[in-house]
Amino acid sequence: MKQKLLTDIELDVHGLKYLMDLYSKEPTEAVFELLKQNILHMQGCLDEVLQELEPVRENASVPCENASEPAVEEVIVETKVSADTETEEVKPSSVLGESIKTSAGLRHSISLNDSFRFSRKLFGGDVELMNRVVEQLSAMSSYKTAVAFLSSKVNFNEENETLSDFLELLKKYFNQSA
């Protein structure tokens, strides 16, 4: 469990660096919201690590000051929403987002088969990472910004057919929401 939390924190730090750079160049509300989500998620992971360390601290001979713990409720709710979206029914006929509903977000435009394929081929089998990235991409203001963000998260080889399909999905999503 600790290793997964540490990996999440590491990914959040990389995402935070990228988003801060993007925000300094293009200070939009969407990028600000992504920064906020990233920070809250990282804060939640850090709180979980701290909770796992509590029993160790209680058994330690050197006392340690209590750290003030920020509220984690928002992050927990956000995680539950992500988990619920994974189990939602996906229409079998929706391939590569033929019927994208922008109000529902990008996640709803990905068929179950594509979801497994994207997770495996682009995100190294990490479904949670893919869901977080897709959620962040949904909040982006333009296709160009989304592609720049995606390039920081996956191996960006344009000869990769799976990546081409994912980029095509993004194009459809942003063209419909424009």
N, C-alpha and C. Protein backbone atom coordinates (compact mmCIF):
# COMPACT_ATOMS: atom_id res chain seq x y z
N MET A 1 0.83 -1.19 0.00
CA MET A 1 0.00 0.00 0.00
C MET A 1 0.88 1.26 0.00
N LYS A 2 1.94 1.23 0.81
CA LYS A 2 2.81 2.41 0.88
C LYS A 2 3.44 2.71 -0.48
N GLN A 3 3.86 1.64 -1.18
CA GLN A 3 4.51 1.84 -2.47
C GLN A 3 3.56 2.49 -3.47
N LYS A 4 2.30 2.07 -3.47
CA LYS A 4 1.31 2.66 -4.37
C LYS A 4 1.09 4.12 -4.03
N LEU A 5 1.00 4.43 -2.74
CA LEU A 5 0.82 5.83 -2.33
C LEU A 5 2.01 6.67 -2.76
N LEU A 6 3.20 6.13 -2.57
CA LEU A 6 4.41 6.87 -2.96
C LEU A 6 4.47 7.07 -4.47
N THR A 7 4.03 6.07 -5.22
CA THR A 7 3.99 6.20 -6.68
C THR A 7 2.98 7.27 -7.08
N ASP A 8 1.81 7.28 -6.43
CA ASP A 8 0.80 8.31 -6.71
C ASP A 8 1.36 9.70 -6.41
N ILE A 9 2.06 9.83 -5.28
CA ILE A 9 2.63 11.12 -4.91
C ILE A 9 3.66 11.56 -5.95
N GLU A 10 4.48 10.61 -6.37
CA GLU A 10 5.50 10.92 -7.39
C GLU A 10 4.84 11.39 -8.69
N LEU A 11 3.78 10.71 -9.11
CA LEU A 11 3.06 11.12 -10.32
C LEU A 11 2.44 12.50 -10.14
N ASP A 12 1.90 12.75 -8.94
CA ASP A 12 1.31 14.05 -8.67
C ASP A 12 2.36 15.16 -8.72
N VAL A 13 3.56 14.88 -8.24
CA VAL A 13 4.63 15.87 -8.27
C VAL A 13 5.00 16.19 -9.73
N HIS A 14 5.11 15.15 -10.55
CA HIS A 14 5.43 15.39 -11.97
C HIS A 14 4.31 16.17 -12.64
N GLY A 15 3.07 15.79 -12.35
CA GLY A 15 1.93 16.51 -12.91
C GLY A 15 1.89 17.96 -12.44
N LEU A 16 2.21 18.16 -11.15
CA LEU A 16 2.22 19.50 -10.58
C LEU A 16 3.27 20.39 -11.25
N LYS A 17 4.45 19.83 -11.48
CA LYS A 17 5.50 20.59 -12.16
C LYS A 17 5.03 21.02 -13.55
N TYR A 18 4.45 20.07 -14.27
CA TYR A 18 3.98 20.36 -15.62
C TYR A 18 2.87 21.42 -15.59
N LEU A 19 1.90 21.23 -14.69
CA LEU A 19 0.78 22.17 -14.62
C LEU A 19 1.23 23.55 -14.18
N MET A 20 2.18 23.64 -13.26
CA MET A 20 2.70 24.95 -12.85
C MET A 20 3.36 25.66 -14.02
N ASP A 21 4.11 24.91 -14.80
CA ASP A 21 4.74 25.48 -15.98
C ASP A 21 3.68 25.96 -16.98
N LEU A 22 2.67 25.11 -17.19
CA LEU A 22 1.58 25.47 -18.10
C LEU A 22 0.83 26.68 -17.58
N TYR A 23 0.58 26.74 -16.28
CA TYR A 23 -0.17 27.85 -15.68
C TYR A 23 0.61 29.16 -15.78
N SER A 24 1.94 29.07 -15.68
CA SER A 24 2.73 30.29 -15.80
C SER A 24 2.68 30.84 -17.22
N LYS A 25 2.49 29.95 -18.21
CA LYS A 25 2.40 30.39 -19.60
C LYS A 25 0.97 30.73 -20.00
N GLU A 26 0.01 29.97 -19.47
CA GLU A 26 -1.40 30.13 -19.85
C GLU A 26 -2.27 30.05 -18.59
N PRO A 27 -2.37 31.15 -17.83
CA PRO A 27 -3.11 31.11 -16.56
C PRO A 27 -4.64 31.12 -16.78
N THR A 28 -5.20 29.94 -17.06
CA THR A 28 -6.64 29.83 -17.27
C THR A 28 -7.29 29.18 -16.06
N GLU A 29 -8.58 29.32 -15.98
CA GLU A 29 -9.36 28.73 -14.87
C GLU A 29 -9.27 27.20 -14.91
N ALA A 30 -9.29 26.62 -16.10
CA ALA A 30 -9.22 25.16 -16.23
C ALA A 30 -7.90 24.62 -15.70
N VAL A 31 -6.81 25.28 -16.04
CA VAL A 31 -5.50 24.84 -15.55
C VAL A 31 -5.42 25.03 -14.03
N PHE A 32 -5.99 26.12 -13.53
CA PHE A 32 -6.02 26.35 -12.09
C PHE A 32 -6.78 25.23 -11.38
N GLU A 33 -7.92 24.84 -11.94
CA GLU A 33 -8.72 23.75 -11.34
C GLU A 33 -7.94 22.44 -11.35
N LEU A 34 -7.21 22.18 -12.44
CA LEU A 34 -6.38 20.97 -12.49
C LEU A 34 -5.29 21.01 -11.43
N LEU A 35 -4.67 22.17 -11.26
CA LEU A 35 -3.66 22.33 -10.21
C LEU A 35 -4.27 22.03 -8.84
N LYS A 36 -5.43 22.57 -8.60
CA LYS A 36 -6.11 22.38 -7.33
C LYS A 36 -6.42 20.90 -7.09
N GLN A 37 -6.96 20.22 -8.11
CA GLN A 37 -7.26 18.79 -7.99
C GLN A 37 -5.99 17.99 -7.72
N ASN A 38 -4.93 18.32 -8.45
CA ASN A 38 -3.66 17.62 -8.28
C ASN A 38 -3.14 17.78 -6.86
N ILE A 39 -3.19 18.99 -6.34
CA ILE A 39 -2.69 19.28 -5.00
C ILE A 39 -3.53 18.55 -3.95
N LEU A 40 -4.86 18.59 -4.12
CA LEU A 40 -5.74 17.90 -3.16
C LEU A 40 -5.52 16.39 -3.18
N HIS A 41 -5.31 15.83 -4.36
CA HIS A 41 -5.05 14.39 -4.44
C HIS A 41 -3.73 14.06 -3.76
N MET A 42 -2.71 14.85 -4.03
CA MET A 42 -1.41 14.62 -3.41
C MET A 42 -1.51 14.77 -1.90
N GLN A 43 -2.25 15.75 -1.45
CA GLN A 43 -2.44 15.99 -0.02
C GLN A 43 -3.12 14.77 0.62
N GLY A 44 -4.11 14.21 -0.06
CA GLY A 44 -4.79 13.02 0.45
C GLY A 44 -3.84 11.84 0.56
N CYS A 45 -2.99 11.66 -0.46
CA CYS A 45 -2.01 10.56 -0.43
C CYS A 45 -1.01 10.76 0.71
N LEU A 46 -0.56 11.99 0.91
CA LEU A 46 0.37 12.28 2.00
C LEU A 46 -0.28 12.02 3.35
N ASP A 47 -1.56 12.36 3.48
CA ASP A 47 -2.27 12.09 4.72
C ASP A 47 -2.37 10.59 5.00
N GLU A 48 -2.60 9.82 3.94
CA GLU A 48 -2.66 8.36 4.11
C GLU A 48 -1.31 7.80 4.55
N VAL A 49 -0.22 8.32 3.97
CA VAL A 49 1.11 7.88 4.38
C VAL A 49 1.32 8.23 5.85
N LEU A 50 0.91 9.42 6.24
CA LEU A 50 1.05 9.85 7.63
C LEU A 50 0.26 8.93 8.56
N GLN A 51 -0.94 8.54 8.16
CA GLN A 51 -1.75 7.64 8.97
C GLN A 51 -1.08 6.27 9.12
N GLU A 52 -0.44 5.82 8.05
CA GLU A 52 0.26 4.53 8.13
C GLU A 52 1.48 4.63 9.04
N LEU A 53 2.04 5.83 9.18
CA LEU A 53 3.21 6.00 10.04
C LEU A 53 2.84 6.17 11.51
N GLU A 54 1.58 6.51 11.81
CA GLU A 54 1.15 6.74 13.19
C GLU A 54 1.48 5.56 14.12
N PRO A 55 1.14 4.31 13.75
CA PRO A 55 1.47 3.19 14.66
C PRO A 55 2.98 3.07 14.90
N VAL A 56 3.77 3.37 13.88
CA VAL A 56 5.23 3.31 14.02
C VAL A 56 5.69 4.39 14.99
N ARG A 57 5.11 5.58 14.87
CA ARG A 57 5.48 6.69 15.74
C ARG A 57 5.12 6.39 17.19
N GLU A 58 3.95 5.76 17.41
CA GLU A 58 3.52 5.44 18.77
C GLU A 58 4.47 4.46 19.44
N ASN A 59 5.07 3.58 18.65
CA ASN A 59 6.01 2.60 19.21
C ASN A 59 7.43 3.13 19.30
N ALA A 60 7.68 4.28 18.69
CA ALA A 60 9.04 4.84 18.69
C ALA A 60 9.36 5.45 20.05
N SER A 61 10.64 5.45 20.41
CA SER A 61 11.05 5.99 21.71
C SER A 61 11.19 7.51 21.67
N VAL A 62 11.40 8.09 20.47
CA VAL A 62 11.56 9.53 20.35
C VAL A 62 10.21 10.14 19.99
N PRO A 63 9.64 10.99 20.87
CA PRO A 63 8.33 11.57 20.56
C PRO A 63 8.43 12.55 19.38
N CYS A 64 7.34 12.65 18.70
CA CYS A 64 7.27 13.51 17.51
C CYS A 64 6.05 14.39 17.64
N GLU A 65 6.13 15.65 17.20
CA GLU A 65 4.99 16.56 17.28
C GLU A 65 3.90 16.10 16.34
N ASN A 66 2.66 16.33 16.73
CA ASN A 66 1.53 16.00 15.85
C ASN A 66 1.49 16.98 14.70
N ALA A 67 1.40 16.44 13.52
CA ALA A 67 1.28 17.30 12.34
C ALA A 67 -0.20 17.62 12.15
N SER A 68 -0.46 18.86 11.79
CA SER A 68 -1.86 19.21 11.55
C SER A 68 -2.28 18.57 10.23
N GLU A 69 -3.40 17.85 10.28
CA GLU A 69 -3.85 17.12 9.10
C GLU A 69 -4.93 17.90 8.39
N PRO A 70 -4.72 18.21 7.11
CA PRO A 70 -5.75 18.89 6.35
C PRO A 70 -6.93 17.95 6.09
N ALA A 71 -8.08 18.52 5.83
CA ALA A 71 -9.26 17.71 5.57
C ALA A 71 -9.09 16.93 4.27
N VAL A 72 -9.48 15.66 4.30
CA VAL A 72 -9.31 14.79 3.15
C VAL A 72 -10.65 14.45 2.51
N GLU A 73 -11.73 14.94 3.06
CA GLU A 73 -13.04 14.55 2.59
C GLU A 73 -13.24 14.78 1.11
N GLU A 74 -12.77 15.91 0.59
CA GLU A 74 -12.95 16.20 -0.83
C GLU A 74 -12.26 15.15 -1.69
N VAL A 75 -11.07 14.73 -1.29
CA VAL A 75 -10.32 13.76 -2.08
C VAL A 75 -11.02 12.41 -2.05
N ILE A 76 -11.54 12.03 -0.88
CA ILE A 76 -12.22 10.76 -0.76
C ILE A 76 -13.48 10.75 -1.64
N VAL A 77 -14.23 11.81 -1.62
CA VAL A 77 -15.41 11.90 -2.47
C VAL A 77 -15.02 11.82 -3.92
N GLU A 78 -13.93 12.52 -4.28
CA GLU A 78 -13.47 12.52 -5.67
C GLU A 78 -13.09 11.11 -6.10
N THR A 79 -12.43 10.36 -5.22
CA THR A 79 -12.04 8.99 -5.53
C THR A 79 -13.26 8.11 -5.71
N LYS A 80 -14.28 8.29 -4.87
CA LYS A 80 -15.49 7.50 -5.00
C LYS A 80 -16.17 7.78 -6.32
N VAL A 81 -16.19 9.03 -6.75
CA VAL A 81 -16.80 9.37 -8.02
C VAL A 81 -16.05 8.67 -9.14
N SER A 82 -14.72 8.66 -9.07
CA SER A 82 -13.94 7.99 -10.10
C SER A 82 -14.23 6.51 -10.12
N ALA A 83 -14.36 5.90 -8.96
CA ALA A 83 -14.64 4.47 -8.89
C ALA A 83 -16.02 4.18 -9.47
N ASP A 84 -17.00 5.05 -9.21
CA ASP A 84 -18.33 4.85 -9.74
C ASP A 84 -18.35 4.94 -11.26
N THR A 85 -17.55 5.84 -11.82
CA THR A 85 -17.54 6.00 -13.26
C THR A 85 -16.98 4.76 -13.94
N GLU A 86 -16.08 4.07 -13.28
CA GLU A 86 -15.52 2.86 -13.87
C GLU A 86 -16.59 1.80 -14.07
N THR A 87 -17.56 1.73 -13.18
CA THR A 87 -18.54 0.67 -13.25
C THR A 87 -19.77 1.04 -14.07
N GLU A 88 -19.83 2.25 -14.59
CA GLU A 88 -20.99 2.64 -15.38
C GLU A 88 -21.06 1.82 -16.66
N GLU A 89 -22.29 1.63 -17.13
CA GLU A 89 -22.50 0.87 -18.35
C GLU A 89 -22.01 1.66 -19.55
N VAL A 90 -21.34 0.99 -20.45
CA VAL A 90 -20.85 1.62 -21.68
C VAL A 90 -21.58 0.97 -22.84
N LYS A 91 -22.12 1.79 -23.73
CA LYS A 91 -22.84 1.24 -24.88
C LYS A 91 -21.87 0.46 -25.75
N PRO A 92 -22.23 -0.77 -26.13
CA PRO A 92 -21.33 -1.58 -26.94
C PRO A 92 -21.05 -0.97 -28.31
N SER A 93 -21.97 -0.15 -28.83
CA SER A 93 -21.78 0.40 -30.16
C SER A 93 -20.87 1.62 -30.17
N SER A 94 -20.53 2.14 -28.96
CA SER A 94 -19.70 3.35 -28.96
C SER A 94 -18.24 2.96 -29.11
N VAL A 95 -17.71 3.19 -30.28
CA VAL A 95 -16.31 2.90 -30.56
C VAL A 95 -15.62 4.21 -30.83
N LEU A 96 -14.55 4.47 -30.09
CA LEU A 96 -13.78 5.69 -30.23
C LEU A 96 -14.65 6.94 -30.16
N GLY A 97 -15.62 6.91 -29.27
CA GLY A 97 -16.40 8.11 -28.98
C GLY A 97 -17.28 8.58 -30.11
N GLU A 98 -17.98 7.66 -30.79
CA GLU A 98 -18.86 8.07 -31.87
C GLU A 98 -19.94 9.01 -31.38
N SER A 99 -20.37 8.82 -30.14
CA SER A 99 -21.40 9.70 -29.59
C SER A 99 -20.92 10.28 -28.28
N ILE A 100 -20.07 11.28 -28.35
CA ILE A 100 -19.50 11.89 -27.16
C ILE A 100 -20.51 12.86 -26.55
N LYS A 101 -20.72 12.71 -25.26
CA LYS A 101 -21.58 13.63 -24.54
C LYS A 101 -20.66 14.51 -23.71
N THR A 102 -20.52 15.77 -24.11
CA THR A 102 -19.56 16.64 -23.44
C THR A 102 -19.96 16.93 -22.01
N SER A 103 -21.25 16.95 -21.71
CA SER A 103 -21.66 17.23 -20.33
C SER A 103 -21.24 16.10 -19.41
N ALA A 104 -21.13 14.89 -19.94
CA ALA A 104 -20.74 13.74 -19.13
C ALA A 104 -19.23 13.61 -19.02
N GLY A 105 -18.50 14.27 -19.88
CA GLY A 105 -17.04 14.21 -19.81
C GLY A 105 -16.46 13.21 -20.79
N LEU A 106 -15.18 13.27 -20.91
CA LEU A 106 -14.45 12.43 -21.85
C LEU A 106 -14.55 10.95 -21.49
N ARG A 107 -14.61 10.64 -20.22
CA ARG A 107 -14.63 9.25 -19.76
C ARG A 107 -15.78 8.47 -20.39
N HIS A 108 -16.93 9.11 -20.57
CA HIS A 108 -18.10 8.43 -21.11
C HIS A 108 -17.99 8.15 -22.60
N SER A 109 -17.02 8.71 -23.25
CA SER A 109 -16.87 8.50 -24.68
C SER A 109 -15.94 7.32 -24.99
N ILE A 110 -15.36 6.74 -23.97
CA ILE A 110 -14.43 5.63 -24.17
C ILE A 110 -15.16 4.32 -23.93
N SER A 111 -15.19 3.47 -24.95
CA SER A 111 -15.84 2.17 -24.81
C SER A 111 -15.05 1.30 -23.83
N LEU A 112 -15.67 0.27 -23.35
CA LEU A 112 -15.01 -0.64 -22.40
C LEU A 112 -13.77 -1.26 -23.02
N ASN A 113 -13.88 -1.72 -24.26
CA ASN A 113 -12.73 -2.32 -24.93
C ASN A 113 -11.59 -1.31 -25.09
N ASP A 114 -11.95 -0.09 -25.52
CA ASP A 114 -10.93 0.94 -25.68
C ASP A 114 -10.30 1.29 -24.33
N SER A 115 -11.12 1.30 -23.30
CA SER A 115 -10.60 1.60 -21.97
C SER A 115 -9.52 0.61 -21.57
N PHE A 116 -9.79 -0.67 -21.78
CA PHE A 116 -8.77 -1.70 -21.46
C PHE A 116 -7.54 -1.52 -22.33
N ARG A 117 -7.77 -1.26 -23.62
CA ARG A 117 -6.64 -1.11 -24.55
C ARG A 117 -5.80 0.11 -24.21
N PHE A 118 -6.44 1.26 -23.96
CA PHE A 118 -5.70 2.47 -23.62
C PHE A 118 -4.93 2.28 -22.31
N SER A 119 -5.58 1.68 -21.35
CA SER A 119 -4.93 1.44 -20.06
C SER A 119 -3.67 0.59 -20.24
N ARG A 120 -3.82 -0.49 -20.99
CA ARG A 120 -2.71 -1.43 -21.17
C ARG A 120 -1.59 -0.84 -22.03
N LYS A 121 -1.96 -0.25 -23.17
CA LYS A 121 -0.94 0.17 -24.14
C LYS A 121 -0.35 1.55 -23.87
N LEU A 122 -1.13 2.45 -23.26
CA LEU A 122 -0.64 3.81 -23.05
C LEU A 122 -0.21 4.09 -21.61
N PHE A 123 -0.88 3.43 -20.65
CA PHE A 123 -0.64 3.75 -19.25
C PHE A 123 -0.04 2.57 -18.48
N GLY A 124 0.55 1.63 -19.19
CA GLY A 124 1.24 0.52 -18.55
C GLY A 124 0.35 -0.33 -17.65
N GLY A 125 -0.94 -0.40 -17.98
CA GLY A 125 -1.86 -1.21 -17.19
C GLY A 125 -2.40 -0.53 -15.95
N ASP A 126 -2.04 0.73 -15.72
CA ASP A 126 -2.48 1.45 -14.53
C ASP A 126 -3.81 2.16 -14.82
N VAL A 127 -4.92 1.50 -14.45
CA VAL A 127 -6.25 2.01 -14.72
C VAL A 127 -6.51 3.31 -13.95
N GLU A 128 -6.04 3.36 -12.70
CA GLU A 128 -6.23 4.56 -11.89
C GLU A 128 -5.55 5.77 -12.54
N LEU A 129 -4.34 5.58 -13.01
CA LEU A 129 -3.62 6.67 -13.68
C LEU A 129 -4.39 7.11 -14.92
N MET A 130 -4.85 6.15 -15.71
CA MET A 130 -5.59 6.50 -16.91
C MET A 130 -6.85 7.30 -16.55
N ASN A 131 -7.58 6.86 -15.54
CA ASN A 131 -8.80 7.56 -15.14
C ASN A 131 -8.50 8.98 -14.66
N ARG A 132 -7.40 9.15 -13.91
CA ARG A 132 -7.03 10.49 -13.46
C ARG A 132 -6.66 11.38 -14.63
N VAL A 133 -5.89 10.84 -15.57
CA VAL A 133 -5.48 11.62 -16.74
C VAL A 133 -6.70 11.99 -17.59
N VAL A 134 -7.60 11.03 -17.80
CA VAL A 134 -8.81 11.30 -18.59
C VAL A 134 -9.66 12.37 -17.91
N GLU A 135 -9.77 12.30 -16.59
CA GLU A 135 -10.52 13.32 -15.85
C GLU A 135 -9.89 14.69 -16.03
N GLN A 136 -8.57 14.74 -15.97
CA GLN A 136 -7.87 16.02 -16.14
C GLN A 136 -8.01 16.52 -17.57
N LEU A 137 -7.94 15.61 -18.54
CA LEU A 137 -8.09 16.00 -19.95
C LEU A 137 -9.48 16.57 -20.20
N SER A 138 -10.49 16.02 -19.52
CA SER A 138 -11.87 16.50 -19.69
C SER A 138 -12.00 17.96 -19.29
N ALA A 139 -11.19 18.39 -18.34
CA ALA A 139 -11.28 19.76 -17.85
C ALA A 139 -10.45 20.75 -18.66
N MET A 140 -9.68 20.25 -19.60
CA MET A 140 -8.83 21.14 -20.41
C MET A 140 -9.69 22.00 -21.33
N SER A 141 -9.13 23.15 -21.70
CA SER A 141 -9.89 24.10 -22.50
C SER A 141 -9.71 23.90 -24.01
N SER A 142 -8.67 23.19 -24.42
CA SER A 142 -8.46 23.02 -25.86
C SER A 142 -7.73 21.71 -26.15
N TYR A 143 -7.85 21.30 -27.39
CA TYR A 143 -7.18 20.09 -27.85
C TYR A 143 -5.66 20.22 -27.70
N LYS A 144 -5.15 21.39 -28.06
CA LYS A 144 -3.70 21.64 -28.00
C LYS A 144 -3.18 21.48 -26.57
N THR A 145 -3.90 22.05 -25.61
CA THR A 145 -3.51 21.94 -24.20
C THR A 145 -3.58 20.49 -23.75
N ALA A 146 -4.64 19.79 -24.17
CA ALA A 146 -4.82 18.39 -23.79
C ALA A 146 -3.69 17.51 -24.32
N VAL A 147 -3.30 17.74 -25.57
CA VAL A 147 -2.22 16.95 -26.16
C VAL A 147 -0.90 17.23 -25.45
N ALA A 148 -0.66 18.49 -25.11
CA ALA A 148 0.57 18.84 -24.38
C ALA A 148 0.60 18.14 -23.03
N PHE A 149 -0.53 18.14 -22.34
CA PHE A 149 -0.62 17.48 -21.04
C PHE A 149 -0.44 15.97 -21.19
N LEU A 150 -1.11 15.37 -22.18
CA LEU A 150 -1.02 13.94 -22.41
C LEU A 150 0.42 13.52 -22.72
N SER A 151 1.14 14.35 -23.45
CA SER A 151 2.52 14.01 -23.80
C SER A 151 3.42 13.91 -22.57
N SER A 152 3.01 14.57 -21.47
CA SER A 152 3.80 14.46 -20.25
C SER A 152 3.45 13.22 -19.45
N LYS A 153 2.37 12.54 -19.83
CA LYS A 153 1.89 11.38 -19.07
C LYS A 153 2.16 10.05 -19.74
N VAL A 154 2.28 10.03 -21.07
CA VAL A 154 2.47 8.76 -21.78
C VAL A 154 3.64 8.88 -22.75
N ASN A 155 4.12 7.74 -23.20
CA ASN A 155 5.16 7.71 -24.22
C ASN A 155 4.54 8.19 -25.52
N PHE A 156 4.97 9.34 -25.99
CA PHE A 156 4.32 10.00 -27.12
C PHE A 156 4.98 9.63 -28.43
N ASN A 157 4.72 8.42 -28.91
CA ASN A 157 5.21 7.94 -30.19
C ASN A 157 4.04 7.97 -31.15
N GLU A 158 4.03 8.91 -32.09
CA GLU A 158 2.89 9.09 -32.98
C GLU A 158 2.67 7.93 -33.93
N GLU A 159 3.63 7.00 -34.02
CA GLU A 159 3.45 5.82 -34.85
C GLU A 159 2.64 4.75 -34.11
N ASN A 160 2.43 4.94 -32.82
CA ASN A 160 1.66 4.02 -32.00
C ASN A 160 0.18 4.14 -32.38
N GLU A 161 -0.40 3.04 -32.86
CA GLU A 161 -1.80 3.07 -33.31
C GLU A 161 -2.76 3.38 -32.17
N THR A 162 -2.46 2.87 -30.98
CA THR A 162 -3.32 3.13 -29.83
C THR A 162 -3.30 4.61 -29.47
N LEU A 163 -2.12 5.23 -29.51
CA LEU A 163 -2.02 6.66 -29.24
C LEU A 163 -2.78 7.45 -30.30
N SER A 164 -2.66 7.05 -31.55
CA SER A 164 -3.40 7.73 -32.63
C SER A 164 -4.90 7.66 -32.39
N ASP A 165 -5.39 6.50 -31.95
CA ASP A 165 -6.81 6.35 -31.65
C ASP A 165 -7.22 7.25 -30.48
N PHE A 166 -6.38 7.32 -29.47
CA PHE A 166 -6.69 8.16 -28.31
C PHE A 166 -6.71 9.63 -28.72
N LEU A 167 -5.75 10.04 -29.56
CA LEU A 167 -5.72 11.43 -30.04
C LEU A 167 -6.95 11.74 -30.89
N GLU A 168 -7.39 10.77 -31.70
CA GLU A 168 -8.60 10.95 -32.50
C GLU A 168 -9.82 11.14 -31.59
N LEU A 169 -9.86 10.39 -30.52
CA LEU A 169 -10.93 10.53 -29.53
C LEU A 169 -10.92 11.93 -28.92
N LEU A 170 -9.72 12.41 -28.58
CA LEU A 170 -9.59 13.76 -28.03
C LEU A 170 -10.06 14.82 -29.04
N LYS A 171 -9.69 14.65 -30.31
CA LYS A 171 -10.13 15.60 -31.35
C LYS A 171 -11.64 15.67 -31.40
N LYS A 172 -12.28 14.50 -31.41
CA LYS A 172 -13.74 14.46 -31.46
C LYS A 172 -14.33 15.13 -30.24
N TYR A 173 -13.76 14.87 -29.10
CA TYR A 173 -14.26 15.45 -27.85
C TYR A 173 -14.18 16.98 -27.89
N PHE A 174 -13.02 17.51 -28.27
CA PHE A 174 -12.85 18.95 -28.26
C PHE A 174 -13.59 19.63 -29.42
N ASN A 175 -13.74 18.96 -30.56
CA ASN A 175 -14.51 19.55 -31.65
C ASN A 175 -15.99 19.65 -31.30
N GLN A 176 -16.49 18.67 -30.57
CA GLN A 176 -17.90 18.68 -30.20
C GLN A 176 -18.17 19.68 -29.09
N SER A 177 -17.17 19.88 -28.21
CA SER A 177 -17.40 20.80 -27.09
C SER A 177 -17.15 22.25 -27.49
N ALA A 178 -16.60 22.47 -28.69
CA ALA A 178 -16.32 23.85 -29.14
C ALA A 178 -17.56 24.53 -29.66
